[in-house]
């Protein structure tokens, strides 16, 4: 794994930890201001709406088990495909969900920021 790929994976882990720990500062650091989220229900949210629901306990993340991932870095852009199992209580429903997704990161001021 290259240094850049390790940095992107470390950012992915930092984001997961920030969501579990309800660390607003870290989420704001690693989420681009224009980032939008689409939940498994199809609900779309802005960065601020999503962080707000994490902070007020509407979205409670307890554990993220990464099952597999791949990272491709091209200059200051990285693409990560990941499958993980999320242990959470969201909108009052507790469970474990295995989810797959693709995220895009941009390197800004020395850190990788999630932009998609």
N, C-alpha and C. Protein backbone atom coordinates (compact mmCIF):
# COMPACT_ATOMS: atom_id res chain seq x y z
N UNK A 1 0.85 -1.17 0.00
CA UNK A 1 0.00 0.00 0.00
C UNK A 1 0.90 1.23 0.00
N UNK A 2 0.56 2.22 -0.83
CA UNK A 2 1.36 3.44 -0.92
C UNK A 2 1.09 4.34 0.29
N UNK A 3 1.95 5.32 0.48
CA UNK A 3 1.76 6.28 1.57
C UNK A 3 0.42 7.00 1.41
N UNK A 4 0.09 7.40 0.20
CA UNK A 4 -1.18 8.11 -0.04
C UNK A 4 -2.37 7.22 0.28
N UNK A 5 -2.31 5.96 -0.12
CA UNK A 5 -3.41 5.03 0.17
C UNK A 5 -3.56 4.85 1.68
N UNK A 6 -2.45 4.77 2.39
CA UNK A 6 -2.51 4.65 3.85
C UNK A 6 -3.13 5.90 4.47
N UNK A 7 -2.80 7.08 3.93
CA UNK A 7 -3.38 8.33 4.44
C UNK A 7 -4.89 8.35 4.21
N UNK A 8 -5.34 7.92 3.05
CA UNK A 8 -6.78 7.90 2.74
C UNK A 8 -7.49 6.93 3.69
N UNK A 9 -6.90 5.75 3.90
CA UNK A 9 -7.52 4.79 4.81
C UNK A 9 -7.57 5.35 6.23
N UNK A 10 -6.52 6.04 6.65
CA UNK A 10 -6.50 6.65 7.98
C UNK A 10 -7.61 7.70 8.10
N UNK A 11 -7.86 8.45 7.04
CA UNK A 11 -8.95 9.43 7.04
C UNK A 11 -10.29 8.72 7.16
N UNK A 12 -10.48 7.64 6.40
CA UNK A 12 -11.71 6.84 6.49
C UNK A 12 -11.93 6.38 7.94
N UNK A 13 -10.89 5.89 8.58
CA UNK A 13 -11.01 5.45 9.97
C UNK A 13 -11.29 6.62 10.91
N UNK A 14 -10.66 7.76 10.67
CA UNK A 14 -10.88 8.95 11.51
C UNK A 14 -12.33 9.41 11.38
N UNK A 15 -12.89 9.34 10.18
CA UNK A 15 -14.29 9.71 9.97
C UNK A 15 -15.21 8.76 10.75
N UNK A 16 -14.95 7.47 10.65
CA UNK A 16 -15.76 6.50 11.38
C UNK A 16 -15.70 6.77 12.88
N UNK A 17 -14.49 7.00 13.39
CA UNK A 17 -14.33 7.30 14.82
C UNK A 17 -15.06 8.58 15.21
N UNK A 18 -14.98 9.60 14.36
CA UNK A 18 -15.65 10.87 14.65
C UNK A 18 -17.16 10.69 14.73
N UNK A 19 -17.70 9.86 13.85
CA UNK A 19 -19.15 9.62 13.87
C UNK A 19 -19.55 8.84 15.11
N UNK A 20 -18.74 7.87 15.51
CA UNK A 20 -19.03 7.08 16.71
C UNK A 20 -18.91 7.95 17.96
N UNK A 21 -17.87 8.77 18.01
CA UNK A 21 -17.61 9.60 19.19
C UNK A 21 -18.36 10.92 19.18
N UNK A 22 -19.12 11.18 18.12
CA UNK A 22 -19.86 12.44 17.97
C UNK A 22 -18.92 13.64 18.08
N UNK A 23 -17.83 13.57 17.32
CA UNK A 23 -16.80 14.60 17.31
C UNK A 23 -17.07 15.56 16.15
N UNK A 24 -17.84 16.62 16.44
CA UNK A 24 -18.22 17.58 15.40
C UNK A 24 -16.99 18.19 14.71
N UNK A 25 -15.98 18.55 15.48
CA UNK A 25 -14.79 19.19 14.90
C UNK A 25 -14.13 18.29 13.86
N UNK A 26 -13.99 17.02 14.17
CA UNK A 26 -13.36 16.09 13.23
C UNK A 26 -14.24 15.89 11.99
N UNK A 27 -15.56 15.76 12.19
CA UNK A 27 -16.44 15.60 11.03
C UNK A 27 -16.36 16.82 10.13
N UNK A 28 -16.36 18.00 10.71
CA UNK A 28 -16.27 19.22 9.90
C UNK A 28 -14.92 19.32 9.21
N UNK A 29 -13.89 18.77 9.81
CA UNK A 29 -12.55 18.79 9.21
C UNK A 29 -12.50 17.88 7.98
N UNK A 30 -13.08 16.68 8.10
CA UNK A 30 -12.94 15.67 7.05
C UNK A 30 -14.08 15.64 6.04
N UNK A 31 -15.19 16.33 6.28
CA UNK A 31 -16.30 16.38 5.34
C UNK A 31 -16.28 17.72 4.61
N UNK A 32 -16.19 17.69 3.31
CA UNK A 32 -16.27 18.91 2.50
C UNK A 32 -17.58 19.64 2.79
N UNK A 33 -17.53 20.96 2.74
CA UNK A 33 -18.72 21.77 3.02
C UNK A 33 -19.89 21.43 2.12
N UNK A 34 -19.62 20.99 0.90
CA UNK A 34 -20.68 20.69 -0.06
C UNK A 34 -21.03 19.21 -0.14
N UNK A 35 -20.48 18.41 0.79
CA UNK A 35 -20.75 16.98 0.79
C UNK A 35 -22.21 16.71 1.11
N UNK A 36 -22.82 15.80 0.36
CA UNK A 36 -24.17 15.36 0.66
C UNK A 36 -24.13 13.86 0.97
N UNK A 37 -25.07 13.42 1.76
CA UNK A 37 -25.15 12.03 2.17
C UNK A 37 -26.46 11.45 1.69
N UNK A 38 -26.42 10.21 1.24
CA UNK A 38 -27.64 9.48 0.90
C UNK A 38 -27.68 8.26 1.80
N UNK A 39 -28.68 8.20 2.66
CA UNK A 39 -28.84 7.08 3.58
C UNK A 39 -29.42 5.88 2.84
N UNK A 40 -29.33 4.71 3.47
CA UNK A 40 -29.83 3.50 2.82
C UNK A 40 -31.33 3.58 2.53
N UNK A 41 -32.03 4.46 3.24
CA UNK A 41 -33.47 4.67 2.99
C UNK A 41 -33.70 5.53 1.75
N UNK A 42 -32.62 6.15 1.24
CA UNK A 42 -32.74 7.05 0.10
C UNK A 42 -32.80 8.51 0.52
N UNK A 43 -32.91 8.76 1.82
CA UNK A 43 -32.96 10.13 2.32
C UNK A 43 -31.63 10.83 2.04
N UNK A 44 -31.71 12.04 1.50
CA UNK A 44 -30.51 12.83 1.21
C UNK A 44 -30.38 13.95 2.24
N UNK A 45 -29.14 14.21 2.64
CA UNK A 45 -28.88 15.26 3.63
C UNK A 45 -27.62 16.03 3.26
N UNK A 46 -27.61 17.30 3.67
CA UNK A 46 -26.40 18.10 3.57
C UNK A 46 -25.43 17.67 4.67
N UNK A 47 -24.22 18.16 4.59
CA UNK A 47 -23.23 17.89 5.63
C UNK A 47 -23.76 18.34 6.98
N UNK A 48 -24.30 19.55 7.06
CA UNK A 48 -24.77 20.08 8.34
C UNK A 48 -25.96 19.30 8.89
N UNK A 49 -26.87 18.88 8.01
CA UNK A 49 -28.02 18.09 8.47
C UNK A 49 -27.55 16.76 9.04
N UNK A 50 -26.63 16.11 8.36
CA UNK A 50 -26.14 14.82 8.82
C UNK A 50 -25.37 14.94 10.13
N UNK A 51 -24.47 15.91 10.21
CA UNK A 51 -23.72 16.11 11.46
C UNK A 51 -24.70 16.45 12.59
N UNK A 52 -25.70 17.27 12.31
CA UNK A 52 -26.69 17.65 13.32
C UNK A 52 -27.42 16.43 13.87
N UNK A 53 -27.80 15.49 13.00
CA UNK A 53 -28.50 14.30 13.46
C UNK A 53 -27.58 13.35 14.23
N UNK A 54 -26.30 13.35 13.90
CA UNK A 54 -25.34 12.57 14.69
C UNK A 54 -25.22 13.20 16.07
N UNK A 55 -25.08 14.51 16.10
CA UNK A 55 -24.88 15.20 17.37
C UNK A 55 -26.10 15.12 18.29
N UNK A 56 -27.31 15.14 17.72
CA UNK A 56 -28.50 15.12 18.58
C UNK A 56 -28.99 13.70 18.90
N UNK A 57 -28.28 12.68 18.39
CA UNK A 57 -28.62 11.30 18.73
C UNK A 57 -29.64 10.65 17.82
N UNK A 58 -30.06 11.34 16.78
CA UNK A 58 -30.96 10.72 15.81
C UNK A 58 -30.23 9.60 15.07
N UNK A 59 -28.96 9.85 14.77
CA UNK A 59 -28.09 8.85 14.15
C UNK A 59 -27.03 8.48 15.18
N UNK A 60 -27.02 7.24 15.60
CA UNK A 60 -26.06 6.76 16.59
C UNK A 60 -25.25 5.63 15.99
N UNK A 61 -23.98 5.87 15.79
CA UNK A 61 -23.08 4.86 15.25
C UNK A 61 -22.25 4.29 16.38
N UNK A 62 -22.20 2.95 16.46
CA UNK A 62 -21.50 2.29 17.56
C UNK A 62 -20.24 1.57 17.11
N UNK A 63 -20.25 1.03 15.89
CA UNK A 63 -19.11 0.23 15.45
C UNK A 63 -19.14 0.13 13.93
N UNK A 64 -17.95 0.14 13.32
CA UNK A 64 -17.82 -0.07 11.88
C UNK A 64 -16.76 -1.15 11.67
N UNK A 65 -17.18 -2.26 11.10
CA UNK A 65 -16.26 -3.35 10.77
C UNK A 65 -16.03 -3.34 9.27
N UNK A 66 -14.82 -2.98 8.88
CA UNK A 66 -14.49 -2.92 7.45
C UNK A 66 -14.20 -4.34 6.97
N UNK A 67 -14.90 -4.74 5.92
CA UNK A 67 -14.74 -6.10 5.40
C UNK A 67 -13.76 -6.14 4.24
N UNK A 68 -13.88 -5.20 3.33
CA UNK A 68 -12.89 -5.11 2.25
C UNK A 68 -12.95 -3.71 1.66
N UNK A 69 -11.87 -3.33 1.05
CA UNK A 69 -11.79 -2.00 0.45
C UNK A 69 -10.70 -1.98 -0.61
N UNK A 70 -10.80 -1.00 -1.48
CA UNK A 70 -9.72 -0.71 -2.44
C UNK A 70 -9.64 0.81 -2.57
N UNK A 71 -8.43 1.28 -2.75
CA UNK A 71 -8.18 2.72 -2.86
C UNK A 71 -7.34 2.96 -4.11
N UNK A 72 -7.76 3.94 -4.90
CA UNK A 72 -7.00 4.36 -6.08
C UNK A 72 -6.72 5.84 -5.95
N UNK A 73 -5.46 6.21 -5.98
CA UNK A 73 -5.07 7.61 -5.85
C UNK A 73 -4.58 8.10 -7.20
N UNK A 74 -5.08 9.28 -7.60
CA UNK A 74 -4.65 9.93 -8.83
C UNK A 74 -4.37 11.38 -8.50
N UNK A 75 -3.10 11.69 -8.19
CA UNK A 75 -2.73 13.05 -7.81
C UNK A 75 -3.32 13.41 -6.47
N UNK A 76 -4.15 14.48 -6.47
CA UNK A 76 -4.75 14.93 -5.22
C UNK A 76 -6.19 14.42 -5.05
N UNK A 77 -6.56 13.40 -5.84
CA UNK A 77 -7.88 12.79 -5.75
C UNK A 77 -7.73 11.30 -5.46
N UNK A 78 -8.56 10.80 -4.57
CA UNK A 78 -8.56 9.36 -4.26
C UNK A 78 -9.98 8.84 -4.30
N UNK A 79 -10.11 7.62 -4.79
CA UNK A 79 -11.40 6.94 -4.85
C UNK A 79 -11.29 5.68 -4.00
N UNK A 80 -12.25 5.51 -3.10
CA UNK A 80 -12.25 4.35 -2.21
C UNK A 80 -13.56 3.59 -2.37
N UNK A 81 -13.45 2.30 -2.66
CA UNK A 81 -14.61 1.40 -2.64
C UNK A 81 -14.49 0.61 -1.35
N UNK A 82 -15.59 0.49 -0.64
CA UNK A 82 -15.53 -0.17 0.66
C UNK A 82 -16.83 -0.93 0.93
N UNK A 83 -16.68 -2.05 1.62
CA UNK A 83 -17.81 -2.78 2.18
C UNK A 83 -17.55 -2.88 3.67
N UNK A 84 -18.53 -2.46 4.46
CA UNK A 84 -18.39 -2.56 5.90
C UNK A 84 -19.73 -2.88 6.54
N UNK A 85 -19.64 -3.38 7.76
CA UNK A 85 -20.84 -3.64 8.54
C UNK A 85 -20.94 -2.58 9.62
N UNK A 86 -22.05 -1.91 9.63
CA UNK A 86 -22.30 -0.80 10.54
C UNK A 86 -23.24 -1.26 11.65
N UNK A 87 -22.82 -1.07 12.88
CA UNK A 87 -23.69 -1.32 14.04
C UNK A 87 -24.17 0.04 14.51
N UNK A 88 -25.49 0.24 14.48
CA UNK A 88 -26.01 1.58 14.74
C UNK A 88 -27.45 1.53 15.22
N UNK A 89 -27.90 2.69 15.68
CA UNK A 89 -29.33 2.93 15.94
C UNK A 89 -29.65 4.21 15.17
N UNK A 90 -30.43 4.04 14.12
CA UNK A 90 -30.76 5.17 13.26
C UNK A 90 -32.27 5.32 13.17
N UNK A 91 -32.73 6.55 13.43
CA UNK A 91 -34.16 6.82 13.41
C UNK A 91 -34.94 5.82 14.26
N UNK A 92 -34.34 5.44 15.40
CA UNK A 92 -35.00 4.57 16.36
C UNK A 92 -34.87 3.08 16.09
N UNK A 93 -34.21 2.70 15.00
CA UNK A 93 -34.07 1.29 14.65
C UNK A 93 -32.62 0.85 14.87
N UNK A 94 -32.43 -0.17 15.70
CA UNK A 94 -31.09 -0.71 15.96
C UNK A 94 -30.82 -1.90 15.06
N UNK A 95 -29.57 -2.02 14.64
CA UNK A 95 -29.23 -3.18 13.82
C UNK A 95 -27.81 -3.15 13.35
N UNK A 96 -27.49 -4.17 12.56
CA UNK A 96 -26.21 -4.29 11.87
C UNK A 96 -26.52 -4.32 10.38
N UNK A 97 -25.91 -3.43 9.65
CA UNK A 97 -26.15 -3.34 8.21
C UNK A 97 -24.83 -3.46 7.48
N UNK A 98 -24.79 -4.34 6.50
CA UNK A 98 -23.62 -4.45 5.64
C UNK A 98 -23.88 -3.58 4.42
N UNK A 99 -23.00 -2.63 4.23
CA UNK A 99 -23.18 -1.62 3.18
C UNK A 99 -21.93 -1.54 2.31
N UNK A 100 -22.15 -1.28 1.06
CA UNK A 100 -21.05 -1.04 0.13
C UNK A 100 -21.16 0.37 -0.39
N UNK A 101 -20.05 0.96 -0.69
CA UNK A 101 -20.11 2.31 -1.21
C UNK A 101 -18.81 2.75 -1.84
N UNK A 102 -18.88 3.90 -2.46
CA UNK A 102 -17.71 4.52 -3.07
C UNK A 102 -17.61 5.94 -2.56
N UNK A 103 -16.43 6.31 -2.13
CA UNK A 103 -16.19 7.67 -1.63
C UNK A 103 -15.04 8.29 -2.41
N UNK A 104 -15.12 9.59 -2.57
CA UNK A 104 -14.05 10.34 -3.23
C UNK A 104 -13.46 11.31 -2.22
N UNK A 105 -12.14 11.41 -2.22
CA UNK A 105 -11.41 12.29 -1.32
C UNK A 105 -10.52 13.21 -2.15
N UNK A 106 -10.33 14.43 -1.64
CA UNK A 106 -9.40 15.40 -2.24
C UNK A 106 -8.39 15.79 -1.17
N UNK A 107 -7.13 15.90 -1.56
CA UNK A 107 -6.11 16.32 -0.61
C UNK A 107 -6.09 17.84 -0.59
N UNK A 108 -6.31 18.40 0.62
CA UNK A 108 -6.35 19.85 0.81
C UNK A 108 -5.56 20.19 2.05
N UNK A 109 -4.64 21.11 1.91
CA UNK A 109 -3.83 21.56 3.05
C UNK A 109 -3.23 20.39 3.83
N UNK A 110 -2.80 19.37 3.08
CA UNK A 110 -2.11 18.24 3.70
C UNK A 110 -2.99 17.14 4.26
N UNK A 111 -4.32 17.29 4.17
CA UNK A 111 -5.19 16.20 4.66
C UNK A 111 -6.17 15.79 3.54
N UNK A 112 -6.64 14.57 3.65
CA UNK A 112 -7.64 14.07 2.71
C UNK A 112 -9.02 14.41 3.24
N UNK A 113 -9.84 15.02 2.39
CA UNK A 113 -11.19 15.46 2.75
C UNK A 113 -12.18 14.70 1.87
N UNK A 114 -13.23 14.16 2.50
CA UNK A 114 -14.24 13.43 1.73
C UNK A 114 -15.12 14.43 0.99
N UNK A 115 -15.18 14.27 -0.33
CA UNK A 115 -15.95 15.20 -1.15
C UNK A 115 -17.17 14.54 -1.78
N UNK A 116 -17.22 13.22 -1.91
CA UNK A 116 -18.40 12.51 -2.44
C UNK A 116 -18.49 11.19 -1.71
